[in-house]
N, C-alpha and C. Protein backbone atom coordinates (compact mmCIF):
# COMPACT_ATOMS: atom_id res chain seq x y z
N MET A 1 0.85 -1.17 0.00
CA MET A 1 0.00 0.00 0.00
C MET A 1 0.90 1.24 0.00
N SER A 2 0.60 2.18 -0.88
CA SER A 2 1.42 3.39 -0.97
C SER A 2 0.94 4.44 0.04
N ARG A 3 1.85 5.29 0.38
CA ARG A 3 1.58 6.35 1.34
C ARG A 3 0.84 7.50 0.64
N ARG A 4 -0.22 7.99 1.27
CA ARG A 4 -0.97 9.10 0.69
C ARG A 4 -0.25 10.42 0.95
N MET A 5 -0.35 11.31 -0.02
CA MET A 5 0.26 12.63 0.09
C MET A 5 -0.86 13.67 0.11
N PHE A 6 -0.72 14.68 0.97
CA PHE A 6 -1.73 15.72 1.10
C PHE A 6 -1.10 17.08 0.85
N THR A 7 -1.85 17.96 0.21
CA THR A 7 -1.35 19.31 -0.05
C THR A 7 -1.36 20.12 1.25
N PRO A 8 -0.53 21.16 1.33
CA PRO A 8 -0.56 22.03 2.51
C PRO A 8 -1.94 22.64 2.75
N GLU A 9 -2.65 22.95 1.67
CA GLU A 9 -3.98 23.53 1.81
C GLU A 9 -4.96 22.55 2.46
N PHE A 10 -4.88 21.28 2.05
CA PHE A 10 -5.74 20.24 2.62
C PHE A 10 -5.43 20.06 4.11
N LYS A 11 -4.15 20.04 4.46
CA LYS A 11 -3.74 19.87 5.86
C LYS A 11 -4.28 21.02 6.71
N ARG A 12 -4.15 22.23 6.20
CA ARG A 12 -4.63 23.39 6.94
C ARG A 12 -6.14 23.34 7.12
N GLU A 13 -6.85 22.99 6.08
CA GLU A 13 -8.31 22.92 6.16
C GLU A 13 -8.74 21.86 7.18
N CYS A 14 -8.09 20.72 7.19
CA CYS A 14 -8.41 19.67 8.17
C CYS A 14 -8.17 20.17 9.59
N ALA A 15 -7.06 20.86 9.80
CA ALA A 15 -6.76 21.41 11.13
C ALA A 15 -7.77 22.47 11.52
N GLU A 16 -8.23 23.25 10.56
CA GLU A 16 -9.22 24.28 10.86
C GLU A 16 -10.57 23.70 11.24
N PHE A 17 -10.88 22.50 10.78
CA PHE A 17 -12.12 21.86 11.24
C PHE A 17 -12.12 21.79 12.76
N VAL A 18 -10.98 21.48 13.34
CA VAL A 18 -10.86 21.35 14.79
C VAL A 18 -10.74 22.72 15.45
N LEU A 19 -9.83 23.55 14.95
CA LEU A 19 -9.53 24.81 15.62
C LEU A 19 -10.57 25.89 15.38
N LYS A 20 -11.12 25.95 14.21
CA LYS A 20 -12.01 27.05 13.84
C LYS A 20 -13.48 26.67 13.86
N HIS A 21 -13.79 25.44 13.46
CA HIS A 21 -15.19 25.04 13.30
C HIS A 21 -15.72 24.19 14.45
N GLY A 22 -14.88 23.88 15.43
CA GLY A 22 -15.35 23.19 16.62
C GLY A 22 -15.52 21.68 16.50
N TYR A 23 -14.96 21.09 15.45
CA TYR A 23 -15.02 19.64 15.34
C TYR A 23 -14.09 19.02 16.38
N ILE A 24 -14.42 17.82 16.85
CA ILE A 24 -13.46 17.05 17.61
C ILE A 24 -12.70 16.19 16.60
N VAL A 25 -11.53 15.72 16.99
CA VAL A 25 -10.67 15.00 16.04
C VAL A 25 -11.39 13.84 15.36
N PRO A 26 -12.14 12.99 16.07
CA PRO A 26 -12.83 11.90 15.37
C PRO A 26 -13.81 12.39 14.30
N GLN A 27 -14.47 13.52 14.53
CA GLN A 27 -15.38 14.07 13.52
C GLN A 27 -14.60 14.54 12.30
N ALA A 28 -13.47 15.19 12.53
CA ALA A 28 -12.64 15.65 11.42
C ALA A 28 -12.10 14.46 10.63
N CYS A 29 -11.77 13.38 11.33
CA CYS A 29 -11.30 12.17 10.66
C CYS A 29 -12.38 11.60 9.75
N GLU A 30 -13.59 11.53 10.26
CA GLU A 30 -14.70 10.99 9.49
C GLU A 30 -15.01 11.87 8.27
N ALA A 31 -14.95 13.18 8.48
CA ALA A 31 -15.28 14.11 7.41
C ALA A 31 -14.25 14.11 6.29
N THR A 32 -13.00 13.81 6.62
CA THR A 32 -11.92 13.93 5.65
C THR A 32 -11.29 12.61 5.24
N ASN A 33 -11.65 11.54 5.93
CA ASN A 33 -11.06 10.22 5.67
C ASN A 33 -9.54 10.22 5.88
N VAL A 34 -9.13 10.85 6.98
CA VAL A 34 -7.72 10.94 7.36
C VAL A 34 -7.60 10.41 8.78
N ARG A 35 -6.52 9.73 9.06
CA ARG A 35 -6.31 9.16 10.41
C ARG A 35 -6.07 10.24 11.45
N SER A 36 -6.40 9.90 12.69
CA SER A 36 -6.33 10.88 13.78
C SER A 36 -4.91 11.37 14.05
N THR A 37 -3.92 10.51 13.91
CA THR A 37 -2.54 10.95 14.18
C THR A 37 -2.13 12.08 13.24
N ALA A 38 -2.54 12.00 11.99
CA ALA A 38 -2.20 13.06 11.03
C ALA A 38 -2.92 14.35 11.39
N ILE A 39 -4.20 14.26 11.68
CA ILE A 39 -4.96 15.48 12.00
C ILE A 39 -4.43 16.12 13.28
N ARG A 40 -4.12 15.31 14.28
CA ARG A 40 -3.56 15.86 15.52
C ARG A 40 -2.23 16.58 15.24
N ARG A 41 -1.41 16.01 14.40
CA ARG A 41 -0.12 16.62 14.03
C ARG A 41 -0.35 17.94 13.30
N TRP A 42 -1.32 17.98 12.37
CA TRP A 42 -1.61 19.19 11.61
C TRP A 42 -2.19 20.29 12.50
N VAL A 43 -3.03 19.89 13.47
CA VAL A 43 -3.59 20.85 14.42
C VAL A 43 -2.46 21.44 15.26
N LYS A 44 -1.57 20.60 15.75
CA LYS A 44 -0.44 21.06 16.55
C LYS A 44 0.43 22.03 15.74
N HIS A 45 0.70 21.69 14.50
CA HIS A 45 1.53 22.52 13.64
C HIS A 45 0.87 23.88 13.38
N LEU A 46 -0.44 23.88 13.11
CA LEU A 46 -1.14 25.13 12.85
C LEU A 46 -1.20 25.99 14.11
N ARG A 47 -1.39 25.38 15.27
CA ARG A 47 -1.37 26.14 16.53
C ARG A 47 -0.02 26.81 16.73
N GLN A 48 1.06 26.07 16.45
CA GLN A 48 2.40 26.63 16.60
C GLN A 48 2.60 27.81 15.65
N LYS A 49 2.17 27.65 14.40
CA LYS A 49 2.32 28.74 13.43
C LYS A 49 1.53 29.97 13.88
N ARG A 50 0.33 29.75 14.37
CA ARG A 50 -0.50 30.88 14.80
C ARG A 50 0.12 31.57 16.01
N SER A 51 0.70 30.80 16.92
CA SER A 51 1.29 31.40 18.12
C SER A 51 2.52 32.24 17.76
N LEU A 52 3.16 31.92 16.65
CA LEU A 52 4.30 32.70 16.18
C LEU A 52 3.88 33.86 15.29
N GLY A 53 2.58 33.97 15.04
CA GLY A 53 2.07 35.06 14.22
C GLY A 53 2.29 34.86 12.74
N CYS A 54 2.36 33.63 12.30
CA CYS A 54 2.59 33.32 10.89
C CYS A 54 1.39 33.75 10.06
N THR A 55 1.64 34.56 9.04
CA THR A 55 0.57 34.98 8.16
C THR A 55 0.74 34.42 6.76
N SER A 56 1.79 33.64 6.55
CA SER A 56 2.04 33.11 5.21
C SER A 56 1.53 31.69 5.04
N CYS A 57 0.72 31.22 5.99
CA CYS A 57 0.17 29.87 5.89
C CYS A 57 -0.76 29.79 4.69
N CYS A 58 -0.82 28.61 4.10
CA CYS A 58 -1.70 28.41 2.95
C CYS A 58 -3.15 28.56 3.39
N HIS A 59 -3.95 29.15 2.52
CA HIS A 59 -5.37 29.27 2.83
C HIS A 59 -6.19 29.11 1.56
N THR A 60 -7.03 28.12 1.56
CA THR A 60 -7.94 27.90 0.44
C THR A 60 -9.32 27.64 1.02
N ALA A 61 -10.25 28.49 0.72
CA ALA A 61 -11.58 28.37 1.32
C ALA A 61 -12.40 27.26 0.70
N HIS A 62 -12.14 26.91 -0.55
CA HIS A 62 -13.00 25.95 -1.24
C HIS A 62 -12.20 24.77 -1.77
N ASN A 63 -11.64 23.98 -0.88
CA ASN A 63 -10.96 22.78 -1.35
C ASN A 63 -11.82 21.56 -1.09
N SER A 64 -11.34 20.42 -1.47
CA SER A 64 -12.15 19.21 -1.36
C SER A 64 -12.51 18.87 0.07
N ALA A 65 -11.65 19.17 1.02
CA ALA A 65 -11.95 18.85 2.41
C ALA A 65 -13.16 19.65 2.90
N SER A 66 -13.20 20.94 2.60
CA SER A 66 -14.31 21.75 3.08
C SER A 66 -15.61 21.36 2.39
N ARG A 67 -15.56 21.05 1.10
CA ARG A 67 -16.78 20.64 0.40
C ARG A 67 -17.30 19.33 0.98
N HIS A 68 -16.40 18.39 1.26
CA HIS A 68 -16.82 17.11 1.81
C HIS A 68 -17.39 17.28 3.22
N ALA A 69 -16.74 18.08 4.03
CA ALA A 69 -17.16 18.23 5.41
C ALA A 69 -18.50 18.94 5.53
N LEU A 70 -18.82 19.79 4.58
CA LEU A 70 -20.10 20.46 4.64
C LEU A 70 -21.25 19.48 4.50
N ARG A 71 -20.97 18.32 3.91
CA ARG A 71 -22.01 17.31 3.77
C ARG A 71 -22.14 16.44 5.02
N ILE A 72 -21.17 16.50 5.88
CA ILE A 72 -21.19 15.71 7.12
C ILE A 72 -21.81 16.55 8.22
N LYS A 73 -22.84 16.02 8.83
CA LYS A 73 -23.46 16.74 9.93
C LYS A 73 -22.63 16.54 11.19
N LYS A 74 -22.42 17.62 11.91
CA LYS A 74 -21.70 17.49 13.17
C LYS A 74 -22.61 16.79 14.17
N SER A 75 -22.08 15.76 14.78
CA SER A 75 -22.87 15.08 15.80
C SER A 75 -22.71 15.80 17.12
N THR A 76 -23.75 15.80 17.89
CA THR A 76 -23.69 16.46 19.19
C THR A 76 -23.38 15.43 20.25
N PRO A 77 -22.45 15.75 21.15
CA PRO A 77 -22.06 14.78 22.18
C PRO A 77 -23.16 14.50 23.17
């Protein structure tokens, strides 16, 4: 099985599901079909960039992750 590769934009959007949109990691995993270890790593990386005031992070409002996640209803705990 080959290793999947993700664009920086996709990684950022997945992390924003957790940080910006209030998803918990399992919900973000379900919405994006990505394992939790990757999403946790991307969330950690984005938090670090934000704490340093990074403004050059990739940003794409309409990528495949956001379109897919809009179809997934957030479950309430």
